[in-house]
N, C-alpha and C. Protein backbone atom coordinates (compact mmCIF):
# COMPACT_ATOMS: atom_id res chain seq x y z
N MET A 1 19.60 -9.64 14.27
CA MET A 1 19.92 -8.32 15.06
C MET A 1 19.56 -8.62 16.47
N ASN A 2 20.19 -7.89 17.17
CA ASN A 2 20.47 -8.61 18.62
C ASN A 2 20.15 -7.93 19.12
N LEU A 3 18.39 -7.58 19.61
CA LEU A 3 17.46 -6.47 20.45
C LEU A 3 17.62 -6.48 22.38
N THR A 4 17.64 -6.14 22.73
CA THR A 4 17.58 -6.40 23.97
C THR A 4 16.53 -5.60 24.34
N ALA A 5 14.96 -6.32 25.21
CA ALA A 5 13.91 -5.28 25.96
C ALA A 5 14.09 -4.74 27.21
N ASP A 6 13.65 -3.99 27.21
CA ASP A 6 12.87 -3.60 28.97
C ASP A 6 12.16 -3.62 29.39
N ASP A 7 10.98 -4.25 28.89
CA ASP A 7 9.90 -4.93 29.42
C ASP A 7 9.57 -5.97 27.96
N ILE A 8 8.76 -7.14 28.88
CA ILE A 8 8.28 -8.10 28.28
C ILE A 8 6.27 -8.35 27.87
N LEU A 9 5.34 -8.79 27.01
CA LEU A 9 4.38 -8.50 27.04
C LEU A 9 4.09 -10.06 26.57
N ASP A 10 3.91 -10.99 27.61
CA ASP A 10 3.11 -12.61 27.27
C ASP A 10 1.84 -12.35 27.05
N ALA A 11 1.49 -12.97 25.93
CA ALA A 11 0.02 -12.49 25.31
C ALA A 11 0.29 -13.67 24.86
N ARG A 12 1.22 -14.87 25.12
CA ARG A 12 0.77 -16.40 24.57
C ARG A 12 -0.85 -16.68 25.03
N GLY A 13 -1.58 -17.34 24.14
CA GLY A 13 -2.90 -17.88 24.99
C GLY A 13 -4.06 -17.28 24.00
N LEU A 14 -3.87 -15.96 24.02
CA LEU A 14 -4.63 -14.40 23.90
C LEU A 14 -5.16 -14.48 22.48
N LEU A 15 -6.07 -14.78 22.61
CA LEU A 15 -6.53 -14.15 20.83
C LEU A 15 -7.45 -12.32 20.57
N CYS A 16 -7.35 -12.21 19.81
CA CYS A 16 -8.28 -10.91 19.20
C CYS A 16 -9.17 -10.31 19.55
N PRO A 17 -9.34 -9.24 20.52
CA PRO A 17 -8.08 -8.02 20.47
C PRO A 17 -7.40 -8.09 21.74
N GLU A 18 -7.32 -9.35 22.73
CA GLU A 18 -6.69 -8.65 23.73
C GLU A 18 -5.22 -8.35 23.73
N PRO A 19 -4.38 -9.71 22.74
CA PRO A 19 -2.63 -9.10 22.51
C PRO A 19 -2.71 -7.41 22.71
N VAL A 20 -3.66 -6.98 21.51
CA VAL A 20 -3.47 -5.48 21.11
C VAL A 20 -3.81 -4.83 22.38
N MET A 21 -4.72 -4.79 22.80
CA MET A 21 -5.20 -4.38 24.20
C MET A 21 -3.88 -4.06 25.43
N LEU A 22 -3.30 -5.23 25.36
CA LEU A 22 -2.38 -5.77 26.55
C LEU A 22 -1.21 -4.38 25.77
N LEU A 23 -1.06 -4.45 24.60
CA LEU A 23 0.14 -3.82 24.15
C LEU A 23 0.32 -2.59 24.20
N HIS A 24 -1.42 -1.96 24.02
CA HIS A 24 -1.53 -0.26 24.53
C HIS A 24 -0.92 -0.15 25.46
N ARG A 25 -1.63 -1.09 26.05
CA ARG A 25 -0.98 -0.81 28.13
C ARG A 25 0.23 -0.75 28.31
N ALA A 26 0.59 -1.94 27.79
CA ALA A 26 2.05 -1.93 28.26
C ALA A 26 2.75 -1.17 27.74
N VAL A 27 2.50 -0.29 26.31
CA VAL A 27 3.49 0.60 25.60
C VAL A 27 2.94 1.85 26.22
N ARG A 28 2.00 2.13 26.71
CA ARG A 28 2.11 3.71 27.85
C ARG A 28 2.51 3.85 29.41
N GLN A 29 3.18 2.45 29.59
CA GLN A 29 4.37 2.08 30.79
C GLN A 29 5.63 2.67 30.25
N LEU A 30 5.80 2.72 28.89
CA LEU A 30 7.39 2.39 28.68
C LEU A 30 7.87 3.93 28.94
N GLN A 31 9.21 4.34 28.60
CA GLN A 31 9.67 6.24 28.33
C GLN A 31 9.26 5.69 26.49
N ALA A 32 9.22 6.75 25.93
CA ALA A 32 10.42 7.08 25.25
C ALA A 32 11.76 6.51 24.92
N GLY A 33 11.67 5.95 23.64
CA GLY A 33 12.67 5.05 23.34
C GLY A 33 13.68 3.92 23.64
N GLN A 34 12.47 3.20 24.90
CA GLN A 34 11.89 1.66 25.45
C GLN A 34 11.94 0.81 24.51
N VAL A 35 12.45 -0.39 24.48
CA VAL A 35 12.24 -1.70 23.72
C VAL A 35 10.82 -2.85 24.26
N LEU A 36 10.06 -2.84 24.09
CA LEU A 36 9.35 -3.74 24.32
C LEU A 36 9.55 -4.85 23.79
N GLN A 37 9.06 -6.13 23.96
CA GLN A 37 9.20 -7.08 23.35
C GLN A 37 8.07 -8.11 23.74
N VAL A 38 6.81 -8.52 22.36
CA VAL A 38 6.09 -8.90 22.69
C VAL A 38 6.04 -10.96 22.34
N LEU A 39 5.48 -11.52 23.23
CA LEU A 39 5.17 -13.23 22.44
C LEU A 39 3.95 -13.07 22.05
N ALA A 40 3.65 -14.02 21.30
CA ALA A 40 1.89 -13.88 21.41
C ALA A 40 2.15 -15.24 20.37
N THR A 41 0.32 -16.20 20.29
CA THR A 41 0.29 -17.11 19.86
C THR A 41 -0.58 -16.76 18.72
N ASP A 42 -1.71 -16.07 18.93
CA ASP A 42 -1.90 -15.38 17.83
C ASP A 42 -2.01 -15.12 16.43
N PRO A 43 -1.71 -15.57 15.77
CA PRO A 43 -1.78 -15.16 13.89
C PRO A 43 -1.95 -13.87 13.62
N SER A 44 -3.42 -13.41 14.36
CA SER A 44 -3.42 -12.08 13.65
C SER A 44 -2.82 -10.83 14.04
N THR A 45 -1.97 -11.42 15.06
CA THR A 45 -1.18 -10.52 15.65
C THR A 45 -0.08 -10.31 14.36
N GLN A 46 0.03 -10.96 13.57
CA GLN A 46 0.85 -10.73 12.43
C GLN A 46 0.11 -8.88 11.51
N ARG A 47 -0.85 -8.81 11.26
CA ARG A 47 -1.61 -7.98 11.12
C ARG A 47 -1.96 -6.85 12.05
N ASP A 48 -2.42 -6.82 13.34
CA ASP A 48 -2.60 -6.11 13.57
C ASP A 48 -1.44 -5.27 14.47
N ILE A 49 -1.01 -6.14 15.10
CA ILE A 49 0.80 -5.46 15.71
C ILE A 49 1.16 -3.97 14.82
N PRO A 50 1.77 -4.86 13.14
CA PRO A 50 2.49 -3.61 12.55
C PRO A 50 1.51 -2.35 12.69
N LYS A 51 0.35 -2.85 12.38
CA LYS A 51 -0.71 -1.90 12.06
C LYS A 51 -0.89 -0.66 13.50
N PHE A 52 -0.81 -1.30 14.61
CA PHE A 52 -0.48 -0.79 15.94
C PHE A 52 0.28 -0.07 15.79
N CYS A 53 1.64 -0.32 15.18
CA CYS A 53 2.73 0.77 15.23
C CYS A 53 2.59 2.05 14.66
N THR A 54 2.29 1.35 13.14
CA THR A 54 2.36 2.30 11.86
C THR A 54 1.35 3.18 13.02
N PHE A 55 -0.27 3.23 13.01
CA PHE A 55 -0.82 4.06 13.70
C PHE A 55 -0.56 4.95 15.23
N LEU A 56 0.66 4.60 15.41
CA LEU A 56 1.27 5.28 16.92
C LEU A 56 2.04 5.56 16.35
N GLN A 57 2.92 5.70 15.58
CA GLN A 57 4.25 6.15 15.24
C GLN A 57 5.37 5.06 15.98
N HIS A 58 5.13 3.66 16.54
CA HIS A 58 6.20 3.45 17.04
C HIS A 58 6.96 2.37 15.89
N SER A 59 8.12 2.34 16.54
CA SER A 59 9.11 1.67 15.69
C SER A 59 8.67 -0.05 16.08
N LEU A 60 8.23 -0.71 14.92
CA LEU A 60 8.19 -2.65 14.81
C LEU A 60 10.11 -2.64 14.48
N LEU A 61 10.36 -3.31 15.58
CA LEU A 61 12.31 -2.69 15.35
C LEU A 61 12.31 -4.61 13.97
N GLN A 62 11.73 -5.73 15.01
CA GLN A 62 11.77 -6.99 14.32
C GLN A 62 10.80 -7.33 14.38
N ALA A 63 10.12 -8.78 14.17
CA ALA A 63 9.03 -9.39 14.03
C ALA A 63 9.41 -11.12 13.50
N SER A 64 9.09 -11.72 14.20
CA SER A 64 9.45 -13.11 13.63
C SER A 64 8.31 -14.39 14.50
N GLU A 65 8.38 -15.02 13.66
CA GLU A 65 7.72 -16.64 14.44
C GLU A 65 8.61 -17.59 14.13
N GLN A 66 8.49 -18.15 14.59
CA GLN A 66 8.64 -19.97 15.59
C GLN A 66 7.70 -20.98 15.85
N GLU A 67 7.68 -21.84 15.25
CA GLU A 67 6.98 -22.78 15.82
C GLU A 67 5.81 -22.84 16.23
N GLY A 68 5.43 -21.21 15.65
CA GLY A 68 3.55 -21.05 15.53
C GLY A 68 3.56 -20.09 16.99
N GLU A 69 4.49 -19.73 17.41
CA GLU A 69 4.70 -18.56 18.32
C GLU A 69 5.20 -16.97 17.29
N PHE A 70 5.07 -16.00 17.77
CA PHE A 70 5.43 -14.78 17.39
C PHE A 70 5.97 -13.63 18.04
N TYR A 71 7.21 -13.07 17.85
CA TYR A 71 7.89 -12.51 18.34
C TYR A 71 7.90 -11.16 17.29
N TYR A 72 7.74 -9.94 19.01
CA TYR A 72 7.70 -8.77 18.09
C TYR A 72 8.65 -7.75 18.97
N TRP A 73 9.50 -6.39 18.52
CA TRP A 73 10.22 -5.90 19.40
C TRP A 73 9.44 -4.29 18.94
N ILE A 74 9.34 -3.77 19.72
CA ILE A 74 8.55 -2.60 19.70
C ILE A 74 9.43 -1.23 19.98
N ARG A 75 9.84 -0.35 19.54
CA ARG A 75 10.69 1.31 20.40
C ARG A 75 8.96 1.78 20.60
N LYS A 76 9.46 2.15 21.29
CA LYS A 76 8.34 3.48 22.03
C LYS A 76 9.10 4.41 20.61
N GLN A 77 8.02 5.51 20.59
CA GLN A 77 8.23 6.90 20.01
C GLN A 77 7.48 7.99 20.85
N GLY A 78 7.76 9.14 20.59
CA GLY A 78 7.71 10.36 21.23
C GLY A 78 7.73 10.20 22.84
N VAL A 79 6.06 11.20 22.80
CA VAL A 79 6.26 11.64 23.80
C VAL A 79 5.33 10.71 24.61
N SER A 80 4.85 10.10 26.12
CA SER A 80 4.75 8.99 26.98
C SER A 80 2.66 9.14 26.36
N GLN A 81 2.47 8.39 26.40
CA GLN A 81 0.75 8.76 25.57
C GLN A 81 -0.34 7.82 26.54
């Protein structure tokens, strides 16, 4: 899947709960339908980011890992939060 992000959140080097706290703030800045790419190194994001998306009804379009870095593409749903 070839995705283009409207914004990028670089949370590399941060540990739980910081990546999700920053994610919450970054998603609020997006318009409905826009895509955020998240870069992270904390393995707990593999659990936390999908739960965040499910709870707030955003779409986790893609998640991948490469050499200890985690990449997520999230589409904001609904109205501004």
